[in-house]
């Protein structure tokens, strides 16, 4: 009887369409919660290095002196930890997947954040 079950399973798989998509011939399904790659906005980054500490794969490098933020796309596991912990929300997760080989794996972003000036305190004079 096991032989007939095996033949039935084999015929069913041959006659049905494949369960998986034929990527890259067919585009992958994307939803609003799909994780593609990390996007960095240098104008909001305050160089706090929380993302560096929270990255489990150590894919992020922050150089405060040179004001650069680097991510190694080959090491990044797209876990979203850096995006969740960023206090200024300068990191976001894009739903579009980009191949890491296009940029040799390491992408460098320049931090252009300018600290806003502190408001001047008015001295209250007592008469």
PDB file of N, CA and C in Angstrom:
ATOM      1  N   UNK A   1       0.808  -1.192   0.000  1.00  0.00           N
ATOM      2  CA  UNK A   1       0.000   0.000   0.000  1.00  0.00           C
ATOM      3  C   UNK A   1       0.855   1.262   0.000  1.00  0.00           C
ATOM      4  N   UNK A   2       2.020   1.217   0.587  1.00  0.00           N
ATOM      5  CA  UNK A   2       2.890   2.389   0.637  1.00  0.00           C
ATOM      6  C   UNK A   2       3.309   2.810  -0.771  1.00  0.00           C
ATOM      7  N   UNK A   3       3.436   1.847  -1.668  1.00  0.00           N
ATOM      8  CA  UNK A   3       3.829   2.157  -3.033  1.00  0.00           C
ATOM      9  C   UNK A   3       2.775   3.033  -3.711  1.00  0.00           C
ATOM     10  N   UNK A   4       1.494   2.712  -3.513  1.00  0.00           N
ATOM     11  CA  UNK A   4       0.421   3.491  -4.142  1.00  0.00           C
ATOM     12  C   UNK A   4       0.324   4.898  -3.557  1.00  0.00           C
ATOM     13  N   UNK A   5       0.605   5.047  -2.284  1.00  0.00           N
ATOM     14  CA  UNK A   5       0.601   6.372  -1.677  1.00  0.00           C
ATOM     15  C   UNK A   5       1.741   7.220  -2.244  1.00  0.00           C
ATOM     16  N   UNK A   6       2.893   6.590  -2.461  1.00  0.00           N
ATOM     17  CA  UNK A   6       4.028   7.299  -3.026  1.00  0.00           C
ATOM     18  C   UNK A   6       3.729   7.721  -4.469  1.00  0.00           C
ATOM     19  N   UNK A   7       3.108   6.858  -5.261  1.00  0.00           N
ATOM     20  CA  UNK A   7       2.761   7.181  -6.645  1.00  0.00           C
ATOM     21  C   UNK A   7       1.731   8.305  -6.669  1.00  0.00           C
ATOM     22  N   UNK A   8       0.752   8.240  -5.773  1.00  0.00           N
ATOM     23  CA  UNK A   8      -0.275   9.279  -5.708  1.00  0.00           C
ATOM     24  C   UNK A   8       0.348  10.638  -5.362  1.00  0.00           C
ATOM     25  N   UNK A   9       1.266  10.658  -4.420  1.00  0.00           N
ATOM     26  CA  UNK A   9       1.943  11.891  -4.032  1.00  0.00           C
ATOM     27  C   UNK A   9       2.803  12.418  -5.181  1.00  0.00           C
ATOM     28  N   UNK A  10       3.508  11.532  -5.869  1.00  0.00           N
ATOM     29  CA  UNK A  10       4.347  11.936  -6.991  1.00  0.00           C
ATOM     30  C   UNK A  10       3.510  12.513  -8.126  1.00  0.00           C
ATOM     31  N   UNK A  11       2.401  11.881  -8.452  1.00  0.00           N
ATOM     32  CA  UNK A  11       1.534  12.391  -9.515  1.00  0.00           C
ATOM     33  C   UNK A  11       0.908  13.732  -9.139  1.00  0.00           C
ATOM     34  N   UNK A  12       0.512  13.860  -7.880  1.00  0.00           N
ATOM     35  CA  UNK A  12      -0.092  15.110  -7.440  1.00  0.00           C
ATOM     36  C   UNK A  12       0.910  16.266  -7.553  1.00  0.00           C
ATOM     37  N   UNK A  13       2.149  16.043  -7.187  1.00  0.00           N
ATOM     38  CA  UNK A  13       3.151  17.108  -7.267  1.00  0.00           C
ATOM     39  C   UNK A  13       3.537  17.431  -8.707  1.00  0.00           C
ATOM     40  N   UNK A  14       3.470  16.467  -9.595  1.00  0.00           N
ATOM     41  CA  UNK A  14       3.802  16.710 -10.997  1.00  0.00           C
ATOM     42  C   UNK A  14       2.688  17.494 -11.683  1.00  0.00           C
ATOM     43  N   UNK A  15       1.442  17.211 -11.350  1.00  0.00           N
ATOM     44  CA  UNK A  15       0.315  17.828 -12.033  1.00  0.00           C
ATOM     45  C   UNK A  15      -0.064  19.198 -11.472  1.00  0.00           C
ATOM     46  N   UNK A  16       0.284  19.507 -10.240  1.00  0.00           N
ATOM     47  CA  UNK A  16      -0.067  20.790  -9.647  1.00  0.00           C
ATOM     48  C   UNK A  16       1.010  21.832  -9.948  1.00  0.00           C
ATOM     49  N   UNK A  17       0.625  23.082  -9.791  1.00  0.00           N
ATOM     50  CA  UNK A  17       1.589  24.172  -9.934  1.00  0.00           C
ATOM     51  C   UNK A  17       2.515  24.183  -8.723  1.00  0.00           C
ATOM     52  N   UNK A  18       3.722  24.724  -8.883  1.00  0.00           N
ATOM     53  CA  UNK A  18       4.637  24.757  -7.743  1.00  0.00           C
ATOM     54  C   UNK A  18       4.098  25.662  -6.634  1.00  0.00           C
ATOM     55  N   UNK A  19       4.420  25.315  -5.408  1.00  0.00           N
ATOM     56  CA  UNK A  19       3.966  26.080  -4.255  1.00  0.00           C
ATOM     57  C   UNK A  19       4.765  27.377  -4.125  1.00  0.00           C
ATOM     58  N   UNK A  20       6.034  27.327  -4.467  1.00  0.00           N
ATOM     59  CA  UNK A  20       6.887  28.506  -4.365  1.00  0.00           C
ATOM     60  C   UNK A  20       6.859  29.304  -5.653  1.00  0.00           C
ATOM     61  N   UNK A  21       7.289  30.573  -5.581  1.00  0.00           N
ATOM     62  CA  UNK A  21       7.348  31.395  -6.784  1.00  0.00           C
ATOM     63  C   UNK A  21       8.691  31.171  -7.472  1.00  0.00           C
ATOM     64  N   UNK A  22       8.737  31.456  -8.750  1.00  0.00           N
ATOM     65  CA  UNK A  22       9.956  31.289  -9.524  1.00  0.00           C
ATOM     66  C   UNK A  22      10.730  32.604  -9.538  1.00  0.00           C
ATOM     67  N   UNK A  23      11.313  32.937  -8.389  1.00  0.00           N
ATOM     68  CA  UNK A  23      12.098  34.176  -8.270  1.00  0.00           C
ATOM     69  C   UNK A  23      13.412  33.992  -8.993  1.00  0.00           C
ATOM     70  N   UNK A  24      13.889  34.845  -9.748  1.00  0.00           N
ATOM     71  CA  UNK A  24      13.587  36.220 -10.113  1.00  0.00           C
ATOM     72  C   UNK A  24      12.675  36.378 -11.319  1.00  0.00           C
ATOM     73  N   UNK A  25      12.195  35.304 -11.912  1.00  0.00           N
ATOM     74  CA  UNK A  25      11.292  35.429 -13.054  1.00  0.00           C
ATOM     75  C   UNK A  25       9.981  36.090 -12.642  1.00  0.00           C
ATOM     76  N   UNK A  26       9.508  35.779 -11.427  1.00  0.00           N
ATOM     77  CA  UNK A  26       8.315  36.414 -10.883  1.00  0.00           C
ATOM     78  C   UNK A  26       8.738  37.251  -9.683  1.00  0.00           C
ATOM     79  N   UNK A  27       8.152  38.395  -9.546  1.00  0.00           N
ATOM     80  CA  UNK A  27       8.499  39.276  -8.428  1.00  0.00           C
ATOM     81  C   UNK A  27       7.983  38.707  -7.110  1.00  0.00           C
ATOM     82  N   UNK A  28       8.741  38.914  -6.057  1.00  0.00           N
ATOM     83  CA  UNK A  28       8.341  38.446  -4.737  1.00  0.00           C
ATOM     84  C   UNK A  28       7.219  39.329  -4.197  1.00  0.00           C
ATOM     85  N   UNK A  29       6.371  38.740  -3.368  1.00  0.00           N
ATOM     86  CA  UNK A  29       5.285  39.498  -2.755  1.00  0.00           C
ATOM     87  C   UNK A  29       5.864  40.410  -1.688  1.00  0.00           C
ATOM     88  N   UNK A  30       5.398  41.650  -1.674  1.00  0.00           N
ATOM     89  CA  UNK A  30       5.848  42.612  -0.671  1.00  0.00           C
ATOM     90  C   UNK A  30       4.641  43.111   0.098  1.00  0.00           C
ATOM     91  N   UNK A  31       4.792  43.179   1.396  1.00  0.00           N
ATOM     92  CA  UNK A  31       3.748  43.705   2.261  1.00  0.00           C
ATOM     93  C   UNK A  31       4.314  44.919   2.993  1.00  0.00           C
ATOM     94  N   UNK A  32       3.489  45.698   3.650  1.00  0.00           N
ATOM     95  CA  UNK A  32       4.013  46.857   4.394  1.00  0.00           C
ATOM     96  C   UNK A  32       4.976  46.482   5.523  1.00  0.00           C
ATOM     97  N   UNK A  33       4.935  45.244   5.986  1.00  0.00           N
ATOM     98  CA  UNK A  33       5.838  44.838   7.064  1.00  0.00           C
ATOM     99  C   UNK A  33       7.015  44.016   6.554  1.00  0.00           C
ATOM    100  N   UNK A  34       7.199  43.955   5.232  1.00  0.00           N
ATOM    101  CA  UNK A  34       8.353  43.246   4.674  1.00  0.00           C
ATOM    102  C   UNK A  34       9.631  43.970   5.050  1.00  0.00           C
ATOM    103  N   UNK A  35      10.687  43.216   5.287  1.00  0.00           N
ATOM    104  CA  UNK A  35      11.980  43.799   5.628  1.00  0.00           C
ATOM    105  C   UNK A  35      12.917  43.636   4.444  1.00  0.00           C
ATOM    106  N   UNK A  36      13.321  44.738   3.861  1.00  0.00           N
ATOM    107  CA  UNK A  36      14.217  44.702   2.715  1.00  0.00           C
ATOM    108  C   UNK A  36      15.634  45.070   3.084  1.00  0.00           C
ATOM    109  N   UNK A  37      15.834  46.315   3.504  1.00  0.00           N
ATOM    110  CA  UNK A  37      17.155  46.774   3.922  1.00  0.00           C
ATOM    111  C   UNK A  37      17.009  48.007   4.802  1.00  0.00           C
ATOM    112  N   UNK A  38      18.069  48.306   5.546  1.00  0.00           N
ATOM    113  CA  UNK A  38      18.080  49.444   6.455  1.00  0.00           C
ATOM    114  C   UNK A  38      18.417  50.708   5.669  1.00  0.00           C
ATOM    115  N   UNK A  39      17.653  51.772   5.920  1.00  0.00           N
ATOM    116  CA  UNK A  39      17.875  53.068   5.288  1.00  0.00           C
ATOM    117  C   UNK A  39      18.294  54.043   6.381  1.00  0.00           C
ATOM    118  N   UNK A  40      19.348  54.826   6.112  1.00  0.00           N
ATOM    119  CA  UNK A  40      19.887  55.772   7.095  1.00  0.00           C
ATOM    120  C   UNK A  40      19.662  57.198   6.630  1.00  0.00           C
ATOM    121  N   UNK A  41      19.193  58.058   7.543  1.00  0.00           N
ATOM    122  CA  UNK A  41      19.011  59.484   7.266  1.00  0.00           C
ATOM    123  C   UNK A  41      20.042  60.252   8.084  1.00  0.00           C
ATOM    124  N   UNK A  42      21.091  60.734   7.439  1.00  0.00           N
ATOM    125  CA  UNK A  42      22.193  61.395   8.121  1.00  0.00           C
ATOM    126  C   UNK A  42      21.837  62.728   8.738  1.00  0.00           C
ATOM    127  N   UNK A  43      20.745  63.341   8.298  1.00  0.00           N
ATOM    128  CA  UNK A  43      20.370  64.637   8.852  1.00  0.00           C
ATOM    129  C   UNK A  43      19.725  64.527  10.226  1.00  0.00           C
ATOM    130  N   UNK A  44      19.302  63.333  10.623  1.00  0.00           N
ATOM    131  CA  UNK A  44      18.690  63.125  11.934  1.00  0.00           C
ATOM    132  C   UNK A  44      19.614  62.422  12.918  1.00  0.00           C
ATOM    133  N   UNK A  45      20.690  61.821  12.434  1.00  0.00           N
ATOM    134  CA  UNK A  45      21.572  61.006  13.275  1.00  0.00           C
ATOM    135  C   UNK A  45      22.360  61.884  14.240  1.00  0.00           C
ATOM    136  N   UNK A  46      22.340  61.532  15.529  1.00  0.00           N
ATOM    137  CA  UNK A  46      23.056  62.295  16.555  1.00  0.00           C
ATOM    138  C   UNK A  46      24.311  61.568  17.027  1.00  0.00           C
ATOM    139  N   UNK A  47      24.711  60.527  16.355  1.00  0.00           N
ATOM    140  CA  UNK A  47      25.918  59.740  16.670  1.00  0.00           C
ATOM    141  C   UNK A  47      25.900  59.181  18.081  1.00  0.00           C
ATOM    142  N   UNK A  48      24.775  58.648  18.498  1.00  0.00           N
ATOM    143  CA  UNK A  48      24.663  58.121  19.858  1.00  0.00           C
ATOM    144  C   UNK A  48      25.233  56.711  19.978  1.00  0.00           C
ATOM    145  N   UNK A  49      25.412  56.009  18.895  1.00  0.00           N
ATOM    146  CA  UNK A  49      25.969  54.653  18.776  1.00  0.00           C
ATOM    147  C   UNK A  49      25.141  53.569  19.458  1.00  0.00           C
ATOM    148  N   UNK A  50      23.867  53.814  19.704  1.00  0.00           N
ATOM    149  CA  UNK A  50      22.995  52.774  20.253  1.00  0.00           C
ATOM    150  C   UNK A  50      22.777  51.678  19.220  1.00  0.00           C
ATOM    151  N   UNK A  51      22.672  52.055  17.953  1.00  0.00           N
ATOM    152  CA  UNK A  51      22.469  51.060  16.897  1.00  0.00           C
ATOM    153  C   UNK A  51      23.665  50.120  16.790  1.00  0.00           C
ATOM    154  N   UNK A  52      24.866  50.651  17.016  1.00  0.00           N
ATOM    155  CA  UNK A  52      26.082  49.830  16.963  1.00  0.00           C
ATOM    156  C   UNK A  52      26.068  48.798  18.086  1.00  0.00           C
ATOM    157  N   UNK A  53      25.645  49.220  19.266  1.00  0.00           N
ATOM    158  CA  UNK A  53      25.623  48.326  20.428  1.00  0.00           C
ATOM    159  C   UNK A  53      24.544  47.258  20.322  1.00  0.00           C
ATOM    160  N   UNK A  54      23.410  47.587  19.700  1.00  0.00           N
ATOM    161  CA  UNK A  54      22.287  46.657  19.610  1.00  0.00           C
ATOM    162  C   UNK A  54      22.357  45.715  18.413  1.00  0.00           C
ATOM    163  N   UNK A  55      23.243  45.970  17.463  1.00  0.00           N
ATOM    164  CA  UNK A  55      23.337  45.132  16.260  1.00  0.00           C
ATOM    165  C   UNK A  55      23.923  43.765  16.628  1.00  0.00           C
ATOM    166  N   UNK A  56      23.163  42.672  16.481  1.00  0.00           N
ATOM    167  CA  UNK A  56      23.671  41.356  16.874  1.00  0.00           C
ATOM    168  C   UNK A  56      24.760  40.816  15.957  1.00  0.00           C
ATOM    169  N   UNK A  57      24.798  41.285  14.715  1.00  0.00           N
ATOM    170  CA  UNK A  57      25.801  40.777  13.768  1.00  0.00           C
ATOM    171  C   UNK A  57      26.988  41.713  13.597  1.00  0.00           C
ATOM    172  N   UNK A  58      27.016  42.812  14.353  1.00  0.00           N
ATOM    173  CA  UNK A  58      28.086  43.805  14.294  1.00  0.00           C
ATOM    174  C   UNK A  58      28.301  44.314  12.864  1.00  0.00           C
ATOM    175  N   UNK A  59      27.206  44.623  12.196  1.00  0.00           N
ATOM    176  CA  UNK A  59      27.266  45.087  10.811  1.00  0.00           C
ATOM    177  C   UNK A  59      27.373  46.600  10.704  1.00  0.00           C
ATOM    178  N   UNK A  60      27.189  47.319  11.820  1.00  0.00           N
ATOM    179  CA  UNK A  60      27.192  48.781  11.792  1.00  0.00           C
ATOM    180  C   UNK A  60      28.470  49.311  12.421  1.00  0.00           C
ATOM    181  N   UNK A  61      29.083  50.280  11.749  1.00  0.00           N
ATOM    182  CA  UNK A  61      30.290  50.936  12.251  1.00  0.00           C
ATOM    183  C   UNK A  61      30.032  52.435  12.248  1.00  0.00           C
ATOM    184  N   UNK A  62      30.269  53.082  13.389  1.00  0.00           N
ATOM    185  CA  UNK A  62      30.085  54.519  13.511  1.00  0.00           C
ATOM    186  C   UNK A  62      31.424  55.170  13.814  1.00  0.00           C
ATOM    187  N   UNK A  63      31.801  56.122  12.993  1.00  0.00           N
ATOM    188  CA  UNK A  63      33.037  56.873  13.206  1.00  0.00           C
ATOM    189  C   UNK A  63      32.645  58.305  13.540  1.00  0.00           C
ATOM    190  N   UNK A  64      32.726  58.657  14.832  1.00  0.00           N
ATOM    191  CA  UNK A  64      32.278  59.974  15.270  1.00  0.00           C
ATOM    192  C   UNK A  64      33.197  61.088  14.792  1.00  0.00           C
ATOM    193  N   UNK A  65      34.506  60.821  14.687  1.00  0.00           N
ATOM    194  CA  UNK A  65      35.439  61.850  14.251  1.00  0.00           C
ATOM    195  C   UNK A  65      35.218  62.207  12.780  1.00  0.00           C
ATOM    196  N   UNK A  66      35.041  61.203  11.941  1.00  0.00           N
ATOM    197  CA  UNK A  66      34.835  61.432  10.506  1.00  0.00           C
ATOM    198  C   UNK A  66      33.372  61.699  10.164  1.00  0.00           C
ATOM    199  N   UNK A  67      32.476  61.562  11.146  1.00  0.00           N
ATOM    200  CA  UNK A  67      31.031  61.729  10.971  1.00  0.00           C
ATOM    201  C   UNK A  67      30.500  60.833   9.850  1.00  0.00           C
ATOM    202  N   UNK A  68      30.848  59.557   9.932  1.00  0.00           N
ATOM    203  CA  UNK A  68      30.353  58.584   8.961  1.00  0.00           C
ATOM    204  C   UNK A  68      29.681  57.425   9.678  1.00  0.00           C
ATOM    205  N   UNK A  69      28.696  56.857   9.032  1.00  0.00           N
ATOM    206  CA  UNK A  69      27.953  55.704   9.524  1.00  0.00           C
ATOM    207  C   UNK A  69      28.011  54.663   8.431  1.00  0.00           C
ATOM    208  N   UNK A  70      28.506  53.456   8.738  1.00  0.00           N
ATOM    209  CA  UNK A  70      28.651  52.404   7.733  1.00  0.00           C
ATOM    210  C   UNK A  70      27.834  51.190   8.122  1.00  0.00           C
ATOM    211  N   UNK A  71      27.315  50.516   7.106  1.00  0.00           N
ATOM    212  CA  UNK A  71      26.635  49.242   7.319  1.00  0.00           C
ATOM    213  C   UNK A  71      27.185  48.239   6.309  1.00  0.00           C
ATOM    214  N   UNK A  72      27.498  47.072   6.810  1.00  0.00           N
ATOM    215  CA  UNK A  72      27.979  45.981   5.963  1.00  0.00           C
ATOM    216  C   UNK A  72      26.770  45.123   5.595  1.00  0.00           C
ATOM    217  N   UNK A  73      26.335  45.209   4.343  1.00  0.00           N
ATOM    218  CA  UNK A  73      25.137  44.494   3.899  1.00  0.00           C
ATOM    219  C   UNK A  73      25.314  42.974   3.941  1.00  0.00           C
ATOM    220  N   UNK A  74      26.559  42.492   3.838  1.00  0.00           N
ATOM    221  CA  UNK A  74      26.785  41.052   3.910  1.00  0.00           C
ATOM    222  C   UNK A  74      26.609  40.529   5.330  1.00  0.00           C
ATOM    223  N   UNK A  75      26.889  41.338   6.334  1.00  0.00           N
ATOM    224  CA  UNK A  75      26.763  40.916   7.727  1.00  0.00           C
ATOM    225  C   UNK A  75      25.375  41.176   8.288  1.00  0.00           C
ATOM    226  N   UNK A  76      24.660  42.143   7.740  1.00  0.00           N
ATOM    227  CA  UNK A  76      23.336  42.521   8.258  1.00  0.00           C
ATOM    228  C   UNK A  76      22.348  41.371   8.082  1.00  0.00           C
ATOM    229  N   UNK A  77      21.644  41.046   9.168  1.00  0.00           N
ATOM    230  CA  UNK A  77      20.667  39.958   9.131  1.00  0.00           C
ATOM    231  C   UNK A  77      19.236  40.494   9.077  1.00  0.00           C
ATOM    232  N   UNK A  78      19.075  41.797   8.881  1.00  0.00           N
ATOM    233  CA  UNK A  78      17.790  42.477   8.737  1.00  0.00           C
ATOM    234  C   UNK A  78      16.858  42.108   9.902  1.00  0.00           C
ATOM    235  N   UNK A  79      17.368  42.268  11.112  1.00  0.00           N
ATOM    236  CA  UNK A  79      16.597  41.904  12.302  1.00  0.00           C
ATOM    237  C   UNK A  79      15.768  43.060  12.835  1.00  0.00           C
ATOM    238  N   UNK A  80      16.034  44.291  12.401  1.00  0.00           N
ATOM    239  CA  UNK A  80      15.281  45.477  12.789  1.00  0.00           C
ATOM    240  C   UNK A  80      15.633  45.986  14.186  1.00  0.00           C
ATOM    241  N   UNK A  81      16.660  45.460  14.832  1.00  0.00           N
ATOM    242  CA  UNK A  81      17.038  45.912  16.171  1.00  0.00           C
ATOM    243  C   UNK A  81      17.518  47.356  16.153  1.00  0.00           C
ATOM    244  N   UNK A  82      18.302  47.713  15.174  1.00  0.00           N
ATOM    245  CA  UNK A  82      18.830  49.073  15.096  1.00  0.00           C
ATOM    246  C   UNK A  82      17.704  50.082  14.865  1.00  0.00           C
ATOM    247  N   UNK A  83      16.727  49.715  14.063  1.00  0.00           N
ATOM    248  CA  UNK A  83      15.620  50.616  13.767  1.00  0.00           C
ATOM    249  C   UNK A  83      14.756  50.820  15.015  1.00  0.00           C
ATOM    250  N   UNK A  84      14.537  49.758  15.765  1.00  0.00           N
ATOM    251  CA  UNK A  84      13.707  49.850  16.966  1.00  0.00           C
ATOM    252  C   UNK A  84      14.352  50.680  18.064  1.00  0.00           C
ATOM    253  N   UNK A  85      15.674  50.639  18.181  1.00  0.00           N
ATOM    254  CA  UNK A  85      16.349  51.309  19.286  1.00  0.00           C
ATOM    255  C   UNK A  85      16.810  52.720  18.975  1.00  0.00           C
ATOM    256  N   UNK A  86      16.728  53.168  17.751  1.00  0.00           N
ATOM    257  CA  UNK A  86      17.206  54.499  17.377  1.00  0.00           C
ATOM    258  C   UNK A  86      16.315  55.569  18.025  1.00  0.00           C
ATOM    259  N   UNK A  87      16.893  56.440  18.882  1.00  0.00           N
ATOM    260  CA  UNK A  87      16.065  57.435  19.569  1.00  0.00           C
ATOM    261  C   UNK A  87      15.567  58.552  18.658  1.00  0.00           C
ATOM    262  N   UNK A  88      16.282  58.863  17.587  1.00  0.00           N
ATOM    263  CA  UNK A  88      15.871  59.949  16.693  1.00  0.00           C
ATOM    264  C   UNK A  88      15.151  59.449  15.441  1.00  0.00           C
ATOM    265  N   UNK A  89      14.985  58.150  15.319  1.00  0.00           N
ATOM    266  CA  UNK A  89      14.312  57.533  14.159  1.00  0.00           C
ATOM    267  C   UNK A  89      14.991  57.905  12.845  1.00  0.00           C
ATOM    268  N   UNK A  90      16.325  57.954  12.862  1.00  0.00           N
ATOM    269  CA  UNK A  90      17.055  58.216  11.618  1.00  0.00           C
ATOM    270  C   UNK A  90      17.227  56.938  10.806  1.00  0.00           C
ATOM    271  N   UNK A  91      16.941  55.790  11.412  1.00  0.00           N
ATOM    272  CA  UNK A  91      16.994  54.513  10.700  1.00  0.00           C
ATOM    273  C   UNK A  91      15.578  54.042  10.418  1.00  0.00           C
ATOM    274  N   UNK A  92      15.391  53.487   9.246  1.00  0.00           N
ATOM    275  CA  UNK A  92      14.093  52.917   8.884  1.00  0.00           C
ATOM    276  C   UNK A  92      14.331  51.668   8.052  1.00  0.00           C
ATOM    277  N   UNK A  93      13.302  50.866   7.936  1.00  0.00           N
ATOM    278  CA  UNK A  93      13.401  49.621   7.186  1.00  0.00           C
ATOM    279  C   UNK A  93      12.601  49.769   5.902  1.00  0.00           C
ATOM    280  N   UNK A  94      13.275  49.676   4.770  1.00  0.00           N
ATOM    281  CA  UNK A  94      12.629  49.772   3.471  1.00  0.00           C
ATOM    282  C   UNK A  94      12.134  48.392   3.066  1.00  0.00           C
ATOM    283  N   UNK A  95      11.014  48.328   2.384  1.00  0.00           N
ATOM    284  CA  UNK A  95      10.461  47.040   1.973  1.00  0.00           C
ATOM    285  C   UNK A  95      11.112  46.512   0.704  1.00  0.00           C
ATOM    286  N   UNK A  96      11.827  47.350  -0.023  1.00  0.00           N
ATOM    287  CA  UNK A  96      12.482  46.933  -1.259  1.00  0.00           C
ATOM    288  C   UNK A  96      13.819  46.274  -0.947  1.00  0.00           C
ATOM    289  N   UNK A  97      14.016  45.069  -1.431  1.00  0.00           N
ATOM    290  CA  UNK A  97      15.276  44.375  -1.225  1.00  0.00           C
ATOM    291  C   UNK A  97      16.282  44.839  -2.256  1.00  0.00           C
ATOM    292  N   UNK A  98      17.489  45.131  -1.808  1.00  0.00           N
ATOM    293  CA  UNK A  98      18.570  45.471  -2.725  1.00  0.00           C
ATOM    294  C   UNK A  98      19.704  44.491  -2.505  1.00  0.00           C
ATOM    295  N   UNK A  99      20.270  44.021  -3.565  1.00  0.00           N
ATOM    296  CA  UNK A  99      21.349  43.050  -3.463  1.00  0.00           C
ATOM    297  C   UNK A  99      22.601  43.717  -2.897  1.00  0.00           C
ATOM    298  N   UNK A 100      23.292  43.086  -1.950  1.00  0.00           N
ATOM    299  CA  UNK A 100      24.464  43.701  -1.337  1.00  0.00           C
ATOM    300  C   UNK A 100      25.674  43.752  -2.261  1.00  0.00           C
ATOM    301  N   UNK A 101      25.717  42.921  -3.280  1.00  0.00           N
ATOM    302  CA  UNK A 101      26.884  42.878  -4.160  1.00  0.00           C
ATOM    303  C   UNK A 101      27.006  44.144  -5.006  1.00  0.00           C
ATOM    304  N   UNK A 102      25.917  44.894  -5.136  1.00  0.00           N
ATOM    305  CA  UNK A 102      25.957  46.096  -5.962  1.00  0.00           C
ATOM    306  C   UNK A 102      26.875  47.160  -5.372  1.00  0.00           C
ATOM    307  N   UNK A 103      26.991  47.211  -4.065  1.00  0.00           N
ATOM    308  CA  UNK A 103      27.812  48.239  -3.427  1.00  0.00           C
ATOM    309  C   UNK A 103      29.001  47.626  -2.697  1.00  0.00           C
ATOM    310  N   UNK A 104      29.461  46.488  -3.121  1.00  0.00           N
ATOM    311  CA  UNK A 104      30.584  45.784  -2.498  1.00  0.00           C
ATOM    312  C   UNK A 104      30.309  45.434  -1.038  1.00  0.00           C
ATOM    313  N   UNK A 105      29.055  45.482  -0.646  1.00  0.00           N
ATOM    314  CA  UNK A 105      28.676  45.054   0.690  1.00  0.00           C
ATOM    315  C   UNK A 105      28.655  46.149   1.724  1.00  0.00           C
ATOM    316  N   UNK A 106      29.546  47.138   1.642  1.00  0.00           N
ATOM    317  CA  UNK A 106      29.616  48.180   2.662  1.00  0.00           C
ATOM    318  C   UNK A 106      29.110  49.497   2.079  1.00  0.00           C
ATOM    319  N   UNK A 107      28.131  50.077   2.767  1.00  0.00           N
ATOM    320  CA  UNK A 107      27.608  51.378   2.368  1.00  0.00           C
ATOM    321  C   UNK A 107      27.997  52.393   3.427  1.00  0.00           C
ATOM    322  N   UNK A 108      28.450  53.557   3.005  1.00  0.00           N
ATOM    323  CA  UNK A 108      28.858  54.613   3.916  1.00  0.00           C
ATOM    324  C   UNK A 108      27.940  55.812   3.748  1.00  0.00           C
ATOM    325  N   UNK A 109      27.475  56.336   4.879  1.00  0.00           N
ATOM    326  CA  UNK A 109      26.616  57.512   4.892  1.00  0.00           C
ATOM    327  C   UNK A 109      27.297  58.598   5.709  1.00  0.00           C
ATOM    328  N   UNK A 110      27.157  59.842   5.280  1.00  0.00           N
ATOM    329  CA  UNK A 110      27.721  60.970   6.003  1.00  0.00           C
ATOM    330  C   UNK A 110      26.673  61.534   6.941  1.00  0.00           C
ATOM    331  N   UNK A 111      27.081  61.807   8.173  1.00  0.00           N
ATOM    332  CA  UNK A 111      26.177  62.368   9.165  1.00  0.00           C
ATOM    333  C   UNK A 111      26.235  63.885   9.038  1.00  0.00           C
ATOM    334  N   UNK A 112      25.098  64.499   8.745  1.00  0.00           N
ATOM    335  CA  UNK A 112      25.046  65.941   8.528  1.00  0.00           C
ATOM    336  C   UNK A 112      24.222  66.638   9.604  1.00  0.00           C
ATOM    337  N   UNK A 113      23.959  65.975  10.705  1.00  0.00           N
ATOM    338  CA  UNK A 113      23.146  66.548  11.776  1.00  0.00           C
ATOM    339  C   UNK A 113      23.857  67.744  12.395  1.00  0.00           C
ATOM    340  N   UNK A 114      23.124  68.828  12.574  1.00  0.00           N
ATOM    341  CA  UNK A 114      23.646  70.022  13.229  1.00  0.00           C
ATOM    342  C   UNK A 114      22.836  70.223  14.497  1.00  0.00           C
ATOM    343  N   UNK A 115      23.532  70.258  15.613  1.00  0.00           N
ATOM    344  CA  UNK A 115      22.861  70.412  16.894  1.00  0.00           C
ATOM    345  C   UNK A 115      22.212  71.788  16.961  1.00  0.00           C
ATOM    346  N   UNK A 116      20.921  71.836  17.291  1.00  0.00           N
ATOM    347  CA  UNK A 116      20.262  73.142  17.349  1.00  0.00           C
ATOM    348  C   UNK A 116      20.810  73.967  18.516  1.00  0.00           C
ATOM    349  N   UNK A 117      20.876  75.265  18.343  1.00  0.00           N
ATOM    350  CA  UNK A 117      21.402  76.101  19.431  1.00  0.00           C
ATOM    351  C   UNK A 117      20.449  76.109  20.619  1.00  0.00           C
ATOM    352  N   UNK A 118      21.039  76.214  21.808  1.00  0.00           N
ATOM    353  CA  UNK A 118      20.225  76.285  23.018  1.00  0.00           C
ATOM    354  C   UNK A 118      19.588  77.667  23.099  1.00  0.00           C
ATOM    355  N   UNK A 119      18.356  77.719  23.546  1.00  0.00           N
ATOM    356  CA  UNK A 119      17.734  79.031  23.693  1.00  0.00           C
ATOM    357  C   UNK A 119      18.411  79.790  24.832  1.00  0.00           C
ATOM    358  N   UNK A 120      18.550  81.070  24.626  1.00  0.00           N
ATOM    359  CA  UNK A 120      19.195  81.888  25.637  1.00  0.00           C
ATOM    360  C   UNK A 120      18.276  82.058  26.829  1.00  0.00           C
ATOM    361  N   UNK A 121      18.875  81.994  28.013  1.00  0.00           N
ATOM    362  CA  UNK A 121      18.099  82.196  29.234  1.00  0.00           C
ATOM    363  C   UNK A 121      18.037  83.683  29.521  1.00  0.00           C
ATOM    364  N   UNK A 122      16.864  84.113  29.827  1.00  0.00           N
ATOM    365  CA  UNK A 122      16.694  85.519  30.166  1.00  0.00           C
ATOM    366  C   UNK A 122      16.996  85.686  31.657  1.00  0.00           C
ATOM    367  N   UNK A 123      17.887  86.598  31.937  1.00  0.00           N
ATOM    368  CA  UNK A 123      18.215  86.882  33.337  1.00  0.00           C
ATOM    369  C   UNK A 123      17.124  87.748  33.934  1.00  0.00           C
ATOM    370  N   UNK A 124      16.574  87.253  34.978  1.00  0.00           N
ATOM    371  CA  UNK A 124      15.547  88.013  35.661  1.00  0.00           C
ATOM    372  C   UNK A 124      16.230  88.932  36.662  1.00  0.00           C
ATOM    373  N   UNK A 125      16.017  90.198  36.505  1.00  0.00           N
ATOM    374  CA  UNK A 125      16.602  91.170  37.417  1.00  0.00           C
ATOM    375  C   UNK A 125      15.581  91.549  38.467  1.00  0.00           C
ATOM    376  N   UNK A 126      16.046  91.542  39.697  1.00  0.00           N
ATOM    377  CA  UNK A 126      15.165  91.941  40.783  1.00  0.00           C
ATOM    378  C   UNK A 126      15.358  93.428  41.057  1.00  0.00           C
ATOM    379  N   UNK A 127      14.254  94.181  41.139  1.00  0.00           N
ATOM    380  CA  UNK A 127      14.389  95.625  41.391  1.00  0.00           C
ATOM    381  C   UNK A 127      14.670  95.941  42.838  1.00  0.00           C
TER     382      UNK A 127
END
